[in-house]
Amino acid sequence: MLPVEGQPRVVTTLHGTDTTLLGRDVGYVPAIRHALTCSDAVTTVSAYLRLETQRLLSVERRST
């Protein structure tokens, strides 16, 4: 209901099981991929987790 310029930003932080456990379950993959691609930013707690997320979920985000 907020105007586009008033909407809050969504930042998703991956800690591990969301990728390493749920990301291996094909039933969860579409929901996790949707959440990540719709987030304004995605962070991970390690480079390994970032690479696993890209590999398992085929999610590519710009790295900074």
PDB file of N, CA and C in Angstrom:
ATOM      1  N   MET A   1       0.814  -1.182   0.000  1.00  0.00           N
ATOM      2  CA  MET A   1       0.000   0.000   0.000  1.00  0.00           C
ATOM      3  C   MET A   1       0.862   1.252   0.000  1.00  0.00           C
ATOM      4  N   LEU A   2       2.149   1.101   0.227  1.00  0.00           N
ATOM      5  CA  LEU A   2       3.043   2.244   0.215  1.00  0.00           C
ATOM      6  C   LEU A   2       3.421   2.596  -1.213  1.00  0.00           C
ATOM      7  N   PRO A   3       3.651   3.877  -1.481  1.00  0.00           N
ATOM      8  CA  PRO A   3       4.157   4.231  -2.806  1.00  0.00           C
ATOM      9  C   PRO A   3       5.542   3.618  -3.007  1.00  0.00           C
ATOM     10  N   VAL A   4       5.939   3.439  -4.250  1.00  0.00           N
ATOM     11  CA  VAL A   4       7.209   2.775  -4.559  1.00  0.00           C
ATOM     12  C   VAL A   4       8.367   3.418  -3.792  1.00  0.00           C
ATOM     13  N   GLU A   5       8.433   4.721  -3.743  1.00  0.00           N
ATOM     14  CA  GLU A   5       9.550   5.393  -3.076  1.00  0.00           C
ATOM     15  C   GLU A   5       9.489   5.276  -1.548  1.00  0.00           C
ATOM     16  N   GLY A   6       8.370   4.816  -1.001  1.00  0.00           N
ATOM     17  CA  GLY A   6       8.239   4.669   0.444  1.00  0.00           C
ATOM     18  C   GLY A   6       8.344   3.240   0.936  1.00  0.00           C
ATOM     19  N   GLN A   7       8.550   2.308   0.030  1.00  0.00           N
ATOM     20  CA  GLN A   7       8.607   0.900   0.432  1.00  0.00           C
ATOM     21  C   GLN A   7       9.938   0.590   1.113  1.00  0.00           C
ATOM     22  N   PRO A   8       9.889  -0.206   2.177  1.00  0.00           N
ATOM     23  CA  PRO A   8      11.149  -0.585   2.837  1.00  0.00           C
ATOM     24  C   PRO A   8      11.964  -1.515   1.957  1.00  0.00           C
ATOM     25  N   ARG A   9      13.267  -1.493   2.139  1.00  0.00           N
ATOM     26  CA  ARG A   9      14.177  -2.381   1.418  1.00  0.00           C
ATOM     27  C   ARG A   9      14.259  -3.705   2.159  1.00  0.00           C
ATOM     28  N   VAL A  10      14.432  -4.787   1.398  1.00  0.00           N
ATOM     29  CA  VAL A  10      14.536  -6.119   1.990  1.00  0.00           C
ATOM     30  C   VAL A  10      15.950  -6.641   1.768  1.00  0.00           C
ATOM     31  N   VAL A  11      16.641  -6.945   2.870  1.00  0.00           N
ATOM     32  CA  VAL A  11      17.975  -7.532   2.808  1.00  0.00           C
ATOM     33  C   VAL A  11      17.882  -8.928   3.412  1.00  0.00           C
ATOM     34  N   THR A  12      18.317  -9.928   2.656  1.00  0.00           N
ATOM     35  CA  THR A  12      18.279 -11.316   3.101  1.00  0.00           C
ATOM     36  C   THR A  12      19.703 -11.769   3.396  1.00  0.00           C
ATOM     37  N   THR A  13      19.915 -12.341   4.573  1.00  0.00           N
ATOM     38  CA  THR A  13      21.221 -12.879   4.933  1.00  0.00           C
ATOM     39  C   THR A  13      21.115 -14.391   5.044  1.00  0.00           C
ATOM     40  N   LEU A  14      21.946 -15.070   4.273  1.00  0.00           N
ATOM     41  CA  LEU A  14      21.989 -16.534   4.305  1.00  0.00           C
ATOM     42  C   LEU A  14      23.011 -16.968   5.340  1.00  0.00           C
ATOM     43  N   HIS A  15      22.601 -17.876   6.230  1.00  0.00           N
ATOM     44  CA  HIS A  15      23.478 -18.337   7.299  1.00  0.00           C
ATOM     45  C   HIS A  15      23.977 -19.765   7.099  1.00  0.00           C
ATOM     46  N   GLY A  16      23.335 -20.534   6.269  1.00  0.00           N
ATOM     47  CA  GLY A  16      23.836 -21.894   6.036  1.00  0.00           C
ATOM     48  C   GLY A  16      22.755 -22.871   5.657  1.00  0.00           C
ATOM     49  N   THR A  17      21.874 -23.225   6.605  1.00  0.00           N
ATOM     50  CA  THR A  17      20.913 -24.288   6.326  1.00  0.00           C
ATOM     51  C   THR A  17      19.923 -23.906   5.235  1.00  0.00           C
ATOM     52  N   ASP A  18      19.676 -22.618   5.045  1.00  0.00           N
ATOM     53  CA  ASP A  18      18.781 -22.216   3.969  1.00  0.00           C
ATOM     54  C   ASP A  18      19.330 -22.620   2.609  1.00  0.00           C
ATOM     55  N   THR A  19      20.623 -22.713   2.493  1.00  0.00           N
ATOM     56  CA  THR A  19      21.244 -23.174   1.246  1.00  0.00           C
ATOM     57  C   THR A  19      21.666 -24.636   1.340  1.00  0.00           C
ATOM     58  N   THR A  20      22.439 -24.971   2.348  1.00  0.00           N
ATOM     59  CA  THR A  20      23.054 -26.303   2.398  1.00  0.00           C
ATOM     60  C   THR A  20      22.072 -27.414   2.721  1.00  0.00           C
ATOM     61  N   LEU A  21      20.961 -27.111   3.383  1.00  0.00           N
ATOM     62  CA  LEU A  21      19.961 -28.125   3.701  1.00  0.00           C
ATOM     63  C   LEU A  21      18.720 -27.949   2.823  1.00  0.00           C
ATOM     64  N   LEU A  22      18.060 -26.814   2.954  1.00  0.00           N
ATOM     65  CA  LEU A  22      16.831 -26.588   2.189  1.00  0.00           C
ATOM     66  C   LEU A  22      17.109 -26.427   0.698  1.00  0.00           C
ATOM     67  N   GLY A  23      18.266 -25.894   0.353  1.00  0.00           N
ATOM     68  CA  GLY A  23      18.620 -25.711  -1.058  1.00  0.00           C
ATOM     69  C   GLY A  23      18.815 -27.012  -1.808  1.00  0.00           C
ATOM     70  N   ARG A  24      18.970 -28.093  -1.080  1.00  0.00           N
ATOM     71  CA  ARG A  24      19.114 -29.416  -1.708  1.00  0.00           C
ATOM     72  C   ARG A  24      17.766 -30.121  -1.863  1.00  0.00           C
ATOM     73  N   ASP A  25      16.729 -29.560  -1.274  1.00  0.00           N
ATOM     74  CA  ASP A  25      15.385 -30.137  -1.345  1.00  0.00           C
ATOM     75  C   ASP A  25      14.631 -29.441  -2.487  1.00  0.00           C
ATOM     76  N   VAL A  26      14.346 -30.177  -3.566  1.00  0.00           N
ATOM     77  CA  VAL A  26      13.740 -29.567  -4.754  1.00  0.00           C
ATOM     78  C   VAL A  26      12.393 -28.912  -4.455  1.00  0.00           C
ATOM     79  N   GLY A  27      11.735 -29.306  -3.379  1.00  0.00           N
ATOM     80  CA  GLY A  27      10.466 -28.697  -3.017  1.00  0.00           C
ATOM     81  C   GLY A  27      10.613 -27.278  -2.506  1.00  0.00           C
ATOM     82  N   TYR A  28      11.775 -26.959  -1.942  1.00  0.00           N
ATOM     83  CA  TYR A  28      12.016 -25.623  -1.394  1.00  0.00           C
ATOM     84  C   TYR A  28      12.703 -24.678  -2.385  1.00  0.00           C
ATOM     85  N   VAL A  29      13.376 -25.224  -3.373  1.00  0.00           N
ATOM     86  CA  VAL A  29      14.189 -24.415  -4.288  1.00  0.00           C
ATOM     87  C   VAL A  29      13.410 -23.255  -4.915  1.00  0.00           C
ATOM     88  N   PRO A  30      12.219 -23.452  -5.469  1.00  0.00           N
ATOM     89  CA  PRO A  30      11.524 -22.316  -6.083  1.00  0.00           C
ATOM     90  C   PRO A  30      11.231 -21.186  -5.094  1.00  0.00           C
ATOM     91  N   ALA A  31      10.839 -21.518  -3.879  1.00  0.00           N
ATOM     92  CA  ALA A  31      10.528 -20.487  -2.881  1.00  0.00           C
ATOM     93  C   ALA A  31      11.786 -19.743  -2.450  1.00  0.00           C
ATOM     94  N   ILE A  32      12.879 -20.471  -2.235  1.00  0.00           N
ATOM     95  CA  ILE A  32      14.127 -19.821  -1.833  1.00  0.00           C
ATOM     96  C   ILE A  32      14.655 -18.953  -2.959  1.00  0.00           C
ATOM     97  N   ARG A  33      14.637 -19.474  -4.178  1.00  0.00           N
ATOM     98  CA  ARG A  33      15.107 -18.694  -5.326  1.00  0.00           C
ATOM     99  C   ARG A  33      14.275 -17.417  -5.485  1.00  0.00           C
ATOM    100  N   HIS A  34      12.963 -17.528  -5.332  1.00  0.00           N
ATOM    101  CA  HIS A  34      12.090 -16.352  -5.437  1.00  0.00           C
ATOM    102  C   HIS A  34      12.441 -15.320  -4.368  1.00  0.00           C
ATOM    103  N   ALA A  35      12.615 -15.775  -3.129  1.00  0.00           N
ATOM    104  CA  ALA A  35      12.954 -14.845  -2.044  1.00  0.00           C
ATOM    105  C   ALA A  35      14.268 -14.129  -2.317  1.00  0.00           C
ATOM    106  N   LEU A  36      15.251 -14.855  -2.827  1.00  0.00           N
ATOM    107  CA  LEU A  36      16.553 -14.243  -3.084  1.00  0.00           C
ATOM    108  C   LEU A  36      16.521 -13.278  -4.258  1.00  0.00           C
ATOM    109  N   THR A  37      15.831 -13.644  -5.313  1.00  0.00           N
ATOM    110  CA  THR A  37      15.797 -12.759  -6.483  1.00  0.00           C
ATOM    111  C   THR A  37      14.924 -11.529  -6.245  1.00  0.00           C
ATOM    112  N   CYS A  38      13.977 -11.623  -5.325  1.00  0.00           N
ATOM    113  CA  CYS A  38      13.119 -10.468  -5.024  1.00  0.00           C
ATOM    114  C   CYS A  38      13.688  -9.575  -3.925  1.00  0.00           C
ATOM    115  N   SER A  39      14.717 -10.028  -3.242  1.00  0.00           N
ATOM    116  CA  SER A  39      15.346  -9.209  -2.202  1.00  0.00           C
ATOM    117  C   SER A  39      16.113  -8.072  -2.846  1.00  0.00           C
ATOM    118  N   ASP A  40      16.165  -6.946  -2.150  1.00  0.00           N
ATOM    119  CA  ASP A  40      16.945  -5.810  -2.654  1.00  0.00           C
ATOM    120  C   ASP A  40      18.439  -6.089  -2.537  1.00  0.00           C
ATOM    121  N   ALA A  41      18.824  -6.873  -1.544  1.00  0.00           N
ATOM    122  CA  ALA A  41      20.224  -7.267  -1.360  1.00  0.00           C
ATOM    123  C   ALA A  41      20.252  -8.627  -0.677  1.00  0.00           C
ATOM    124  N   VAL A  42      21.312  -9.381  -0.976  1.00  0.00           N
ATOM    125  CA  VAL A  42      21.515 -10.688  -0.344  1.00  0.00           C
ATOM    126  C   VAL A  42      22.944 -10.717   0.172  1.00  0.00           C
ATOM    127  N   THR A  43      23.098 -11.123   1.438  1.00  0.00           N
ATOM    128  CA  THR A  43      24.429 -11.278   2.006  1.00  0.00           C
ATOM    129  C   THR A  43      24.590 -12.719   2.468  1.00  0.00           C
ATOM    130  N   THR A  44      25.841 -13.154   2.564  1.00  0.00           N
ATOM    131  CA  THR A  44      26.134 -14.486   3.076  1.00  0.00           C
ATOM    132  C   THR A  44      27.218 -14.354   4.141  1.00  0.00           C
ATOM    133  N   VAL A  45      27.297 -15.338   5.011  1.00  0.00           N
ATOM    134  CA  VAL A  45      28.279 -15.281   6.088  1.00  0.00           C
ATOM    135  C   VAL A  45      29.659 -15.758   5.648  1.00  0.00           C
ATOM    136  N   SER A  46      29.761 -16.301   4.429  1.00  0.00           N
ATOM    137  CA  SER A  46      31.061 -16.746   3.929  1.00  0.00           C
ATOM    138  C   SER A  46      31.045 -16.818   2.408  1.00  0.00           C
ATOM    139  N   ALA A  47      32.237 -16.800   1.844  1.00  0.00           N
ATOM    140  CA  ALA A  47      32.369 -16.947   0.397  1.00  0.00           C
ATOM    141  C   ALA A  47      31.918 -18.340  -0.032  1.00  0.00           C
ATOM    142  N   TYR A  48      32.206 -19.351   0.797  1.00  0.00           N
ATOM    143  CA  TYR A  48      31.776 -20.713   0.492  1.00  0.00           C
ATOM    144  C   TYR A  48      30.256 -20.785   0.353  1.00  0.00           C
ATOM    145  N   LEU A  49      29.535 -20.158   1.273  1.00  0.00           N
ATOM    146  CA  LEU A  49      28.076 -20.188   1.224  1.00  0.00           C
ATOM    147  C   LEU A  49      27.558 -19.456  -0.017  1.00  0.00           C
ATOM    148  N   ARG A  50      28.211 -18.385  -0.392  1.00  0.00           N
ATOM    149  CA  ARG A  50      27.822 -17.672  -1.618  1.00  0.00           C
ATOM    150  C   ARG A  50      27.966 -18.586  -2.831  1.00  0.00           C
ATOM    151  N   LEU A  51      29.085 -19.285  -2.921  1.00  0.00           N
ATOM    152  CA  LEU A  51      29.318 -20.179  -4.058  1.00  0.00           C
ATOM    153  C   LEU A  51      28.342 -21.351  -4.064  1.00  0.00           C
ATOM    154  N   GLU A  52      28.056 -21.917  -2.891  1.00  0.00           N
ATOM    155  CA  GLU A  52      27.092 -23.018  -2.798  1.00  0.00           C
ATOM    156  C   GLU A  52      25.690 -22.550  -3.191  1.00  0.00           C
ATOM    157  N   THR A  53      25.326 -21.356  -2.798  1.00  0.00           N
ATOM    158  CA  THR A  53      24.020 -20.807  -3.162  1.00  0.00           C
ATOM    159  C   THR A  53      23.920 -20.651  -4.673  1.00  0.00           C
ATOM    160  N   GLN A  54      24.970 -20.131  -5.275  1.00  0.00           N
ATOM    161  CA  GLN A  54      24.979 -19.985  -6.729  1.00  0.00           C
ATOM    162  C   GLN A  54      24.900 -21.350  -7.405  1.00  0.00           C
ATOM    163  N   ARG A  55      25.612 -22.322  -6.892  1.00  0.00           N
ATOM    164  CA  ARG A  55      25.652 -23.655  -7.502  1.00  0.00           C
ATOM    165  C   ARG A  55      24.329 -24.405  -7.326  1.00  0.00           C
ATOM    166  N   LEU A  56      23.798 -24.442  -6.116  1.00  0.00           N
ATOM    167  CA  LEU A  56      22.606 -25.225  -5.835  1.00  0.00           C
ATOM    168  C   LEU A  56      21.317 -24.563  -6.305  1.00  0.00           C
ATOM    169  N   LEU A  57      21.254 -23.252  -6.202  1.00  0.00           N
ATOM    170  CA  LEU A  57      19.994 -22.551  -6.479  1.00  0.00           C
ATOM    171  C   LEU A  57      20.019 -21.756  -7.785  1.00  0.00           C
ATOM    172  N   SER A  58      21.150 -21.743  -8.447  1.00  0.00           N
ATOM    173  CA  SER A  58      21.290 -20.982  -9.701  1.00  0.00           C
ATOM    174  C   SER A  58      20.847 -19.528  -9.524  1.00  0.00           C
ATOM    175  N   VAL A  59      21.298 -18.944  -8.435  1.00  0.00           N
ATOM    176  CA  VAL A  59      20.985 -17.534  -8.150  1.00  0.00           C
ATOM    177  C   VAL A  59      22.244 -16.733  -8.338  1.00  0.00           C
ATOM    178  N   GLU A  60      22.206 -15.780  -9.212  1.00  0.00           N
ATOM    179  CA  GLU A  60      23.341 -14.900  -9.458  1.00  0.00           C
ATOM    180  C   GLU A  60      22.950 -13.493  -9.046  1.00  0.00           C
ATOM    181  N   ARG A  61      23.732 -12.913  -8.176  1.00  0.00           N
ATOM    182  CA  ARG A  61      23.537 -11.533  -7.758  1.00  0.00           C
ATOM    183  C   ARG A  61      24.857 -10.820  -7.966  1.00  0.00           C
ATOM    184  N   ARG A  62      24.774  -9.529  -8.096  1.00  0.00           N
ATOM    185  CA  ARG A  62      25.980  -8.725  -8.260  1.00  0.00           C
ATOM    186  C   ARG A  62      26.762  -8.718  -6.955  1.00  0.00           C
ATOM    187  N   SER A  63      28.064  -8.976  -7.013  1.00  0.00           N
ATOM    188  CA  SER A  63      28.923  -8.942  -5.820  1.00  0.00           C
ATOM    189  C   SER A  63      29.546  -7.575  -5.698  1.00  0.00           C
ATOM    190  N   THR A  64      29.661  -7.114  -4.458  1.00  0.00           N
ATOM    191  CA  THR A  64      30.359  -5.837  -4.219  1.00  0.00           C
ATOM    192  C   THR A  64      31.434  -6.023  -3.193  1.00  0.00           C
TER     193      THR A  64
END
